[in-house]
Amino acid sequence: MSKSQYETYEPYGPDASVHTAETLPYGLYEDTYRPAYEAQAYFVSEPALPRRTTTVPAPVSTEEPESLDGVTGPPEGVYGRAARRRRARSAERPESAVRRLLPQALVVAFLAGGTTAFVAKDKAIELSVDGHPRTLHTFADDVSELLAEQGVHVGAHDMIAPGPGAALASGDAVAVRYGRPVRLTLDGRQHEVWTTAHTVEGALDELGVRAEGAYLSISRSQSIGRAGLALDVRTERAVTVMADGRTRTIRTNAATVREAVEEAGIVLHGQDTTSVPLDSFPRDGQTVTVLRISGTREVREEQIPFDVERVEDPTLFKGIEVVARPGRPGLRRDTYLLRTVNGVRQKPRRETSETVRGPHKQLVKVGTKPLPPSVEGAEGLNWSALAACESGGRPHAVDPSGTYGGLYQFDVHTWRSLGGTGRPQDASAEEQTFRAKKLYLSRGASPWPHCGARLRW
């Protein structure tokens, strides 16, 4: 192609060849090709800024264009620079894309790992507190942490299942049941117990109390609050009652022996009683005997002995005791119960005692004066024979009339004239013999007209 032909060539004219079409610079069209790694980052990274669309005019070469198979084309610089630019851009894309995607990938991995740990620590637990269940999510590792987290306070009598130290896993169930105090009176014996049951029937089952046929002071369906309650339980027992020669065995939950006897159809009259106290609790297998009692009361009066006080008297000879003030016994009135039990008479039993009159103390003077050695002129006589004849040898003898007394039967006037005090029968035998000797010296044997002759025997 000549230079004139090149100057008249119109690459953009209607007759231009496809090989002579103008090549647009890079950036004037949208490049829809993206590598796989860049396509992935496209969806996770921030949107890219729009590309600039300014038109770059094609460079004009002053050299003659080369021909290819006789076809004259655009200058080499138009195609060569654009191709080199595309190749350089393609070579730089993988490294720059990796640099851009690496921080984003690390953030995504961190978030994914944190989410996995978060999900692993979170647990769905069913917590039932005193019969009220609810489902919750928690990060607690064991039961104690869960209860503390939920503000559930437990005491020594509360039940926790599983135990406080048990580890938790998602789907586990934890139950807390509060203890309730029960003041239980079981068959007459009082107990202080705790239960986690909500009703009386549940508490009886939990405590192992046999309630069939038993008496309950509160209905079985009665609910038990946190403050507890008082419960009286009397189980059914077998009691044997013996009365009037017959034996009866009954099953009862009576509170007293009296009630059990009445349930057996036995009536108590008057003083009738039983072998065990009527107000005692009847035990299982116990035998109660009814005692038919009849009897009367008898009043008896008895003397109360008096005390004797002895006082020394230096005016009386030794061995002589004189009653200065006689004692007087007191009087007591006793009431005795005379009973017959089941036809057998019992020993009288004193019920009451009343003092009618108190005793008076007796005062006795005891002689301390030494006895005279002898009475001259009266020694050598048989004073024993005279005493045996007058009084039978008894120092305290008194004649039937009460006038004479002692060994030698002195009257009070003669006795005192001889220096004696009190009554002669109250003096000692030595003093009476001493006074008799003095009487003999003054009057001889005449004071003893019937027995005086015995002095010479």
Protein backbone atom coordinates (compact mmCIF):
# COMPACT_ATOMS: atom_id res chain seq x y z
CA MET A 1 0.00 0.00 0.00
CA SER A 2 1.38 3.36 -1.06
CA LYS A 3 1.69 6.39 1.19
CA SER A 4 -1.13 8.07 -0.65
CA GLN A 5 -3.35 5.12 -0.06
CA TYR A 6 -2.52 5.16 3.67
CA GLU A 7 -3.37 8.81 3.89
CA THR A 8 -6.79 8.17 2.30
CA TYR A 9 -7.54 5.08 4.50
CA GLU A 10 -10.44 5.54 6.83
CA PRO A 11 -10.32 2.97 9.53
CA TYR A 12 -13.67 4.02 10.95
CA GLY A 13 -15.51 4.20 7.71
CA PRO A 14 -18.25 1.90 6.64
CA ASP A 15 -15.90 -0.08 4.47
CA ALA A 16 -13.25 -0.64 7.11
CA SER A 17 -12.04 -4.14 7.80
CA VAL A 18 -12.61 -5.83 11.19
CA HIS A 19 -8.89 -5.80 11.63
CA THR A 20 -8.81 -2.09 11.17
CA ALA A 21 -11.41 -1.32 13.91
CA GLU A 22 -10.26 1.02 16.68
CA THR A 23 -9.08 -0.70 19.83
CA LEU A 24 -10.54 0.93 22.95
CA PRO A 25 -8.17 1.59 25.81
CA TYR A 26 -8.42 -0.62 28.98
CA GLY A 27 -10.97 0.76 31.32
CA LEU A 28 -13.46 1.94 28.73
CA TYR A 29 -15.45 -1.28 29.05
CA GLU A 30 -16.46 -3.49 31.94
CA ASP A 31 -14.25 -6.51 32.39
CA THR A 32 -16.62 -9.36 33.35
CA TYR A 33 -13.93 -11.97 33.82
CA ARG A 34 -13.01 -12.67 37.41
CA PRO A 35 -10.88 -15.52 38.81
CA ALA A 36 -12.55 -17.90 41.26
CA TYR A 37 -10.69 -16.51 44.29
CA GLU A 38 -11.60 -12.96 43.32
CA ALA A 39 -15.20 -13.88 42.69
CA GLN A 40 -15.43 -15.26 46.25
CA ALA A 41 -13.93 -12.08 47.68
CA TYR A 42 -16.37 -10.10 45.63
CA PHE A 43 -19.26 -11.37 47.64
CA VAL A 44 -17.70 -10.92 51.09
CA SER A 45 -15.68 -7.69 50.66
CA GLU A 46 -16.89 -4.13 50.42
CA PRO A 47 -18.22 -2.93 47.02
CA ALA A 48 -15.45 -1.70 44.65
CA LEU A 49 -15.36 1.93 43.58
CA PRO A 50 -16.67 2.51 40.01
CA ARG A 51 -14.03 2.53 37.33
CA ARG A 52 -13.13 5.77 35.59
CA THR A 53 -14.66 5.96 32.07
CA THR A 54 -12.69 8.83 30.48
CA THR A 55 -11.82 8.17 26.88
CA VAL A 56 -8.19 8.04 26.00
CA PRO A 57 -7.51 9.00 22.36
CA ALA A 58 -5.60 6.53 20.33
CA PRO A 59 -1.97 7.44 19.76
CA VAL A 60 -1.02 8.52 16.23
CA SER A 61 2.11 7.00 14.80
CA THR A 62 4.22 8.73 12.16
CA GLU A 63 5.69 5.48 10.96
CA GLU A 64 4.26 3.47 8.17
CA PRO A 65 2.14 0.69 9.44
CA GLU A 66 3.17 -2.81 8.89
CA SER A 67 1.20 -4.96 6.52
CA LEU A 68 -0.04 -8.45 7.25
CA ASP A 69 -0.81 -10.51 4.21
CA GLY A 70 -1.07 -7.41 2.18
CA VAL A 71 -3.50 -5.74 4.59
CA THR A 72 -2.46 -2.54 6.08
CA GLY A 73 -3.36 -2.29 9.88
CA PRO A 74 -3.06 0.22 12.62
CA PRO A 75 0.29 1.04 14.07
CA GLU A 76 1.98 -1.49 16.37
CA GLY A 77 1.84 0.83 19.36
CA VAL A 78 -1.96 0.73 19.51
CA TYR A 79 -2.15 -3.05 19.95
CA GLY A 80 1.14 -3.63 21.74
CA ARG A 81 0.67 -1.26 24.66
CA ALA A 82 -2.88 -2.40 25.37
CA ALA A 83 -1.85 -6.05 25.31
CA ARG A 84 1.10 -5.46 27.57
CA ARG A 85 -1.11 -3.55 29.99
CA ARG A 86 -3.61 -6.41 30.14
CA ARG A 87 -0.85 -8.95 30.70
CA ALA A 88 0.72 -6.86 33.50
CA ARG A 89 -2.66 -6.38 35.15
CA SER A 90 -3.38 -10.11 34.99
CA ALA A 91 0.01 -10.93 36.51
CA GLU A 92 -0.47 -8.56 39.43
CA ARG A 93 -4.07 -9.61 40.37
CA PRO A 94 -3.47 -12.89 42.40
CA GLU A 95 -0.91 -11.39 44.77
CA SER A 96 -2.84 -8.18 45.45
CA ALA A 97 -6.09 -10.09 45.87
CA VAL A 98 -4.52 -12.38 48.50
CA ARG A 99 -3.26 -9.35 50.39
CA ARG A 100 -6.72 -7.83 50.34
CA LEU A 101 -8.53 -11.04 51.36
CA LEU A 102 -6.19 -12.25 54.12
CA PRO A 103 -7.42 -9.85 56.93
CA GLN A 104 -11.00 -10.48 55.96
CA ALA A 105 -10.48 -14.25 56.07
CA LEU A 106 -8.88 -13.98 59.52
CA VAL A 107 -11.84 -11.97 60.84
CA VAL A 108 -14.29 -14.48 59.40
CA ALA A 109 -12.36 -17.40 60.95
CA PHE A 110 -12.21 -15.66 64.34
CA LEU A 111 -15.90 -14.92 64.30
CA ALA A 112 -16.68 -18.48 63.22
CA GLY A 113 -14.53 -19.93 66.06
CA GLY A 114 -16.03 -17.57 68.66
CA THR A 115 -19.51 -18.45 67.54
CA THR A 116 -18.71 -22.15 67.82
CA ALA A 117 -17.35 -21.69 71.39
CA PHE A 118 -20.34 -19.52 72.32
CA VAL A 119 -22.76 -22.16 71.08
CA ALA A 120 -20.81 -24.93 72.85
CA LYS A 121 -20.93 -23.13 76.28
CA ASP A 122 -24.63 -22.27 76.08
CA LYS A 123 -26.85 -25.01 77.58
CA ALA A 124 -30.63 -25.50 77.58
CA ILE A 125 -31.61 -26.68 81.08
CA GLU A 126 -35.01 -27.52 82.55
CA LEU A 127 -35.09 -26.17 86.13
CA SER A 128 -37.94 -27.18 88.45
CA VAL A 129 -38.15 -25.27 91.75
CA ASP A 130 -40.64 -26.72 94.21
CA GLY A 131 -42.76 -28.20 91.44
CA HIS A 132 -42.65 -25.20 89.07
CA PRO A 133 -40.64 -26.15 85.93
CA ARG A 134 -39.16 -23.77 83.36
CA THR A 135 -36.63 -24.05 80.57
CA LEU A 136 -33.69 -21.66 80.48
CA HIS A 137 -30.30 -21.12 78.85
CA THR A 138 -27.18 -20.89 80.98
CA PHE A 139 -23.39 -20.90 80.80
CA ALA A 140 -23.08 -22.49 84.31
CA ASP A 141 -20.76 -25.49 84.52
CA ASP A 142 -22.48 -27.29 87.44
CA VAL A 143 -25.69 -27.29 89.49
CA SER A 144 -24.33 -24.98 92.20
CA GLU A 145 -23.44 -22.30 89.66
CA LEU A 146 -26.86 -22.63 88.04
CA LEU A 147 -28.72 -22.19 91.34
CA ALA A 148 -26.55 -19.20 92.30
CA GLU A 149 -27.10 -17.67 88.87
CA GLN A 150 -30.88 -18.07 89.20
CA GLY A 151 -30.98 -16.83 92.82
CA VAL A 152 -32.28 -20.14 94.20
CA HIS A 153 -31.25 -20.48 97.86
CA VAL A 154 -31.29 -23.95 99.42
CA GLY A 155 -30.97 -25.10 103.03
CA ALA A 156 -29.88 -28.22 104.88
CA HIS A 157 -33.33 -29.85 104.59
CA ASP A 158 -33.88 -29.06 100.88
CA MET A 159 -33.40 -31.66 98.12
CA ILE A 160 -31.37 -31.03 94.95
CA ALA A 161 -31.29 -33.56 92.11
CA PRO A 162 -28.70 -34.06 90.77
CA GLY A 163 -26.32 -33.01 93.53
CA PRO A 164 -24.82 -29.50 93.80
CA GLY A 165 -21.47 -30.58 92.28
CA ALA A 166 -22.94 -32.39 89.28
CA ALA A 167 -21.76 -31.11 85.87
CA LEU A 168 -24.35 -29.72 83.47
CA ALA A 169 -24.92 -30.55 79.82
CA SER A 170 -27.51 -29.20 77.43
CA GLY A 171 -30.81 -31.02 77.87
CA ASP A 172 -30.28 -31.83 81.58
CA ALA A 173 -33.06 -31.41 84.15
CA VAL A 174 -32.44 -29.99 87.66
CA ALA A 175 -35.02 -30.25 90.42
CA VAL A 176 -35.10 -28.35 93.74
CA ARG A 177 -37.63 -29.32 96.42
CA TYR A 178 -37.83 -27.26 99.60
CA GLY A 179 -38.02 -28.96 102.98
CA ARG A 180 -41.04 -28.38 105.21
CA PRO A 181 -41.12 -28.96 109.01
CA VAL A 182 -43.76 -31.35 110.33
CA ARG A 183 -44.56 -31.65 114.05
CA LEU A 184 -45.65 -35.28 113.90
CA THR A 185 -47.35 -37.07 116.79
CA LEU A 186 -47.29 -40.74 115.80
CA ASP A 187 -49.09 -43.14 118.12
CA GLY A 188 -48.65 -40.85 121.11
CA ARG A 189 -44.97 -40.06 120.50
CA GLN A 190 -43.92 -36.62 119.28
CA HIS A 191 -41.36 -36.15 116.49
CA GLU A 192 -39.88 -33.15 114.67
CA VAL A 193 -39.35 -34.22 111.04
CA TRP A 194 -38.77 -32.60 107.63
CA THR A 195 -40.37 -33.47 104.31
CA THR A 196 -40.13 -32.23 100.72
CA ALA A 197 -43.64 -33.45 99.90
CA HIS A 198 -46.34 -30.89 99.11
CA THR A 199 -49.28 -32.80 100.67
CA VAL A 200 -49.98 -34.75 103.84
CA GLU A 201 -50.32 -37.97 101.85
CA GLY A 202 -46.98 -37.41 100.16
CA ALA A 203 -45.33 -36.68 103.50
CA LEU A 204 -46.68 -39.90 105.00
CA ASP A 205 -45.34 -41.89 102.04
CA GLU A 206 -41.98 -40.14 102.28
CA LEU A 207 -41.74 -40.79 106.04
CA GLY A 208 -42.84 -44.42 105.69
CA VAL A 209 -45.92 -44.05 107.92
CA ARG A 210 -48.58 -46.72 107.37
CA ALA A 211 -51.78 -44.74 106.88
CA GLU A 212 -54.24 -47.52 106.02
CA GLY A 213 -57.01 -47.46 108.62
CA ALA A 214 -55.22 -44.75 110.58
CA TYR A 215 -56.68 -41.64 112.15
CA LEU A 216 -55.35 -38.38 110.71
CA SER A 217 -55.97 -35.03 112.34
CA ILE A 218 -55.69 -33.39 108.88
CA SER A 219 -57.00 -34.52 105.50
CA ARG A 220 -54.55 -36.42 103.33
CA SER A 221 -55.06 -33.94 100.49
CA GLN A 222 -54.12 -31.00 102.71
CA SER A 223 -51.22 -29.05 101.20
CA ILE A 224 -48.09 -28.35 103.26
CA GLY A 225 -46.74 -24.80 103.08
CA ARG A 226 -43.16 -23.72 103.61
CA ALA A 227 -44.01 -23.02 107.29
CA GLY A 228 -45.01 -26.68 107.82
CA LEU A 229 -47.85 -27.98 109.99
CA ALA A 230 -48.74 -30.17 113.00
CA LEU A 231 -50.05 -33.67 112.27
CA ASP A 232 -51.45 -36.30 114.64
CA VAL A 233 -51.46 -39.88 113.31
CA ARG A 234 -52.81 -42.92 115.13
CA THR A 235 -52.26 -46.15 113.26
CA GLU A 236 -54.55 -49.14 113.54
CA ARG A 237 -53.56 -51.51 116.36
CA ALA A 238 -54.73 -54.85 117.81
CA VAL A 239 -55.72 -54.57 121.50
CA THR A 240 -57.03 -57.37 123.71
CA VAL A 241 -59.44 -56.52 126.55
CA MET A 242 -60.17 -59.03 129.37
CA ALA A 243 -63.25 -58.37 131.50
CA ASP A 244 -65.78 -60.44 133.46
CA GLY A 245 -64.13 -63.70 132.45
CA ARG A 246 -64.24 -62.93 128.72
CA THR A 247 -61.55 -61.92 126.20
CA ARG A 248 -62.17 -59.50 123.33
CA THR A 249 -59.59 -58.53 120.63
CA ILE A 250 -60.33 -55.43 118.59
CA ARG A 251 -58.54 -53.36 115.94
CA THR A 252 -58.60 -49.71 116.86
CA ASN A 253 -56.90 -46.35 116.42
CA ALA A 254 -58.13 -45.10 119.81
CA ALA A 255 -56.13 -42.42 121.59
CA THR A 256 -56.55 -43.84 125.13
CA VAL A 257 -57.12 -47.17 126.85
CA ARG A 258 -60.50 -45.88 128.02
CA GLU A 259 -61.59 -45.39 124.38
CA ALA A 260 -60.36 -48.89 123.46
CA VAL A 261 -62.30 -50.45 126.35
CA GLU A 262 -65.42 -48.60 125.29
CA GLU A 263 -64.97 -49.77 121.68
CA ALA A 264 -64.80 -53.34 123.02
CA GLY A 265 -68.29 -52.83 124.45
CA ILE A 266 -67.23 -52.86 128.11
CA VAL A 267 -68.77 -50.38 130.55
CA LEU A 268 -66.91 -49.27 133.68
CA HIS A 269 -68.91 -48.61 136.86
CA GLY A 270 -68.04 -46.82 140.08
CA GLN A 271 -64.47 -47.63 141.13
CA ASP A 272 -63.78 -49.97 138.20
CA THR A 273 -60.42 -49.44 136.53
CA THR A 274 -57.93 -51.25 134.30
CA SER A 275 -54.53 -52.89 134.71
CA VAL A 276 -52.91 -49.92 132.90
CA PRO A 277 -53.84 -46.25 133.31
CA LEU A 278 -57.05 -45.39 131.51
CA ASP A 279 -55.53 -42.26 129.94
CA SER A 280 -52.43 -44.11 128.59
CA PHE A 281 -51.91 -44.86 124.87
CA PRO A 282 -52.92 -48.41 123.84
CA ARG A 283 -50.02 -50.17 122.08
CA ASP A 284 -50.26 -52.77 119.33
CA GLY A 285 -50.64 -56.26 120.84
CA GLN A 286 -51.32 -54.91 124.36
CA THR A 287 -53.61 -56.79 126.78
CA VAL A 288 -55.79 -54.69 129.10
CA THR A 289 -57.50 -56.27 132.11
CA VAL A 290 -60.61 -54.63 133.55
CA LEU A 291 -60.70 -54.62 137.37
CA ARG A 292 -64.16 -54.68 138.96
CA ILE A 293 -63.77 -52.91 142.30
CA SER A 294 -66.17 -52.56 145.22
CA GLY A 295 -65.44 -51.41 148.73
CA THR A 296 -66.13 -49.18 151.72
CA ARG A 297 -64.24 -46.72 153.88
CA GLU A 298 -63.51 -47.17 157.58
CA VAL A 299 -62.40 -44.51 160.09
CA ARG A 300 -60.02 -45.54 162.87
CA GLU A 301 -58.63 -43.51 165.80
CA GLU A 302 -55.10 -44.27 166.91
CA GLN A 303 -52.92 -42.85 169.71
CA ILE A 304 -49.85 -40.81 169.00
CA PRO A 305 -47.03 -41.70 171.46
CA PHE A 306 -45.62 -38.89 173.60
CA ASP A 307 -41.94 -38.11 174.09
CA VAL A 308 -40.15 -38.36 177.47
CA GLU A 309 -37.73 -35.69 178.65
CA ARG A 310 -35.32 -36.60 181.49
CA VAL A 311 -33.84 -33.91 183.68
CA GLU A 312 -31.17 -34.51 186.36
CA ASP A 313 -32.17 -33.64 189.94
CA PRO A 314 -29.41 -33.44 192.61
CA THR A 315 -31.96 -33.65 195.46
CA LEU A 316 -32.91 -37.21 194.54
CA PHE A 317 -30.79 -40.21 195.30
CA LYS A 318 -29.10 -41.96 192.44
CA GLY A 319 -31.32 -44.52 190.76
CA ILE A 320 -34.44 -42.59 191.67
CA GLU A 321 -36.57 -41.20 188.80
CA VAL A 322 -39.57 -39.08 189.56
CA VAL A 323 -42.17 -38.14 186.93
CA ALA A 324 -42.50 -34.41 187.36
CA ARG A 325 -45.06 -34.02 184.59
CA PRO A 326 -46.89 -37.02 183.17
CA GLY A 327 -47.07 -37.29 179.38
CA ARG A 328 -50.26 -37.58 177.41
CA PRO A 329 -50.58 -39.37 174.07
CA GLY A 330 -52.10 -37.61 171.09
CA LEU A 331 -55.00 -38.77 168.94
CA ARG A 332 -54.98 -39.40 165.18
CA ARG A 333 -57.99 -40.22 163.00
CA ASP A 334 -57.21 -42.35 159.93
CA THR A 335 -59.51 -43.28 157.05
CA TYR A 336 -58.92 -46.68 155.44
CA LEU A 337 -60.22 -48.00 152.12
CA LEU A 338 -61.44 -51.57 152.24
CA ARG A 339 -61.63 -52.89 148.66
CA THR A 340 -62.62 -56.07 146.88
CA VAL A 341 -61.06 -56.52 143.43
CA ASN A 342 -62.67 -59.10 141.14
CA GLY A 343 -64.10 -60.75 144.28
CA VAL A 344 -60.81 -60.81 146.26
CA ARG A 345 -60.56 -58.68 149.43
CA GLN A 346 -57.50 -56.47 149.48
CA LYS A 347 -55.36 -55.23 152.37
CA PRO A 348 -56.80 -52.02 153.90
CA ARG A 349 -55.19 -48.95 152.45
CA ARG A 350 -55.00 -45.73 154.43
CA GLU A 351 -56.34 -42.86 152.37
CA THR A 352 -56.30 -39.93 154.80
CA SER A 353 -54.86 -39.14 158.22
CA GLU A 354 -55.97 -36.33 160.55
CA THR A 355 -54.40 -35.31 163.88
CA VAL A 356 -57.16 -34.66 166.39
CA ARG A 357 -54.94 -33.89 169.39
CA GLY A 358 -51.21 -33.56 169.69
CA PRO A 359 -49.20 -35.49 172.33
CA HIS A 360 -47.79 -33.85 175.51
CA LYS A 361 -44.22 -34.50 176.49
CA GLN A 362 -43.52 -36.28 179.83
CA LEU A 363 -40.94 -34.74 182.20
CA VAL A 364 -38.90 -37.11 184.42
CA LYS A 365 -36.44 -36.06 187.14
CA VAL A 366 -33.44 -38.34 187.53
CA GLY A 367 -31.67 -38.38 190.94
CA THR A 368 -27.97 -37.73 191.14
CA LYS A 369 -27.54 -37.61 194.97
CA PRO A 370 -25.38 -40.45 196.39
CA LEU A 371 -27.28 -43.09 198.50
CA PRO A 372 -26.59 -43.34 202.24
CA PRO A 373 -24.32 -46.27 203.08
CA SER A 374 -26.74 -47.82 205.67
CA VAL A 375 -29.38 -47.17 208.34
CA GLU A 376 -28.05 -48.21 211.73
CA GLY A 377 -30.46 -50.41 213.66
CA ALA A 378 -32.34 -51.67 210.58
CA GLU A 379 -29.60 -53.64 208.91
CA GLY A 380 -29.67 -57.40 208.96
CA LEU A 381 -33.46 -57.67 208.58
CA ASN A 382 -35.11 -59.59 205.73
CA TRP A 383 -36.37 -56.68 203.65
CA SER A 384 -36.73 -58.87 200.57
CA ALA A 385 -39.20 -61.10 202.36
CA LEU A 386 -41.22 -58.08 203.49
CA ALA A 387 -41.31 -56.67 199.92
CA ALA A 388 -42.39 -60.03 198.51
CA CYS A 389 -45.23 -60.18 201.02
CA GLU A 390 -46.43 -56.57 200.50
CA SER A 391 -46.11 -56.12 196.72
CA GLY A 392 -44.83 -59.36 195.28
CA GLY A 393 -41.40 -57.71 194.97
CA ARG A 394 -42.60 -55.17 192.39
CA PRO A 395 -41.27 -51.59 192.91
CA HIS A 396 -44.13 -50.01 190.90
CA ALA A 397 -46.96 -52.00 192.43
CA VAL A 398 -50.13 -50.10 193.44
CA ASP A 399 -53.02 -51.53 195.48
CA PRO A 400 -56.53 -51.65 193.93
CA SER A 401 -57.64 -48.53 195.77
CA GLY A 402 -54.67 -46.52 194.50
CA THR A 403 -53.74 -45.41 198.05
CA TYR A 404 -50.60 -47.46 198.58
CA GLY A 405 -47.71 -48.07 196.25
CA GLY A 406 -44.20 -49.38 195.89
CA LEU A 407 -42.34 -52.36 197.36
CA TYR A 408 -43.54 -51.68 200.88
CA GLN A 409 -46.91 -50.12 200.05
CA PHE A 410 -46.33 -46.61 201.32
CA ASP A 411 -49.14 -44.08 201.32
CA VAL A 412 -48.19 -40.68 199.94
CA HIS A 413 -48.35 -38.93 203.34
CA THR A 414 -45.98 -41.42 205.05
CA TRP A 415 -43.65 -41.39 202.03
CA ARG A 416 -43.22 -37.63 202.09
CA SER A 417 -42.77 -37.57 205.87
CA LEU A 418 -39.73 -39.77 205.38
CA GLY A 419 -38.23 -37.27 202.90
CA GLY A 420 -39.52 -38.82 199.72
CA THR A 421 -40.84 -36.80 196.75
CA GLY A 422 -43.53 -37.62 194.29
CA ARG A 423 -45.10 -41.06 194.58
CA PRO A 424 -43.39 -44.01 196.24
CA GLN A 425 -44.01 -46.34 193.31
CA ASP A 426 -42.08 -43.94 191.03
CA ALA A 427 -38.92 -44.13 193.16
CA SER A 428 -36.21 -46.70 192.77
CA ALA A 429 -36.18 -49.93 194.80
CA GLU A 430 -33.10 -48.75 196.72
CA GLU A 431 -34.77 -45.51 197.81
CA GLN A 432 -37.94 -47.32 198.84
CA THR A 433 -35.89 -49.74 200.98
CA PHE A 434 -33.97 -46.81 202.50
CA ARG A 435 -37.23 -45.03 203.42
CA ALA A 436 -38.69 -48.31 204.81
CA LYS A 437 -35.66 -48.73 207.10
CA LYS A 438 -36.15 -45.20 208.45
CA LEU A 439 -39.83 -45.98 209.06
CA TYR A 440 -38.85 -49.15 210.92
CA LEU A 441 -36.51 -47.21 213.25
CA SER A 442 -39.33 -44.83 214.21
CA ARG A 443 -42.31 -47.26 214.33
CA GLY A 444 -40.95 -50.80 214.14
CA ALA A 445 -42.90 -53.39 212.16
CA SER A 446 -46.31 -51.89 212.98
CA PRO A 447 -46.75 -50.19 209.55
CA TRP A 448 -46.90 -53.74 208.11
CA PRO A 449 -49.34 -55.57 210.39
CA HIS A 450 -49.70 -58.64 208.20
CA CYS A 451 -46.19 -58.95 206.73
CA GLY A 452 -43.97 -57.28 209.38
CA ALA A 453 -43.15 -60.62 211.01
CA ARG A 454 -41.29 -61.69 207.86
CA LEU A 455 -38.51 -59.26 208.68
CA ARG A 456 -37.23 -61.85 211.17
CA TRP A 457 -37.38 -64.88 208.94
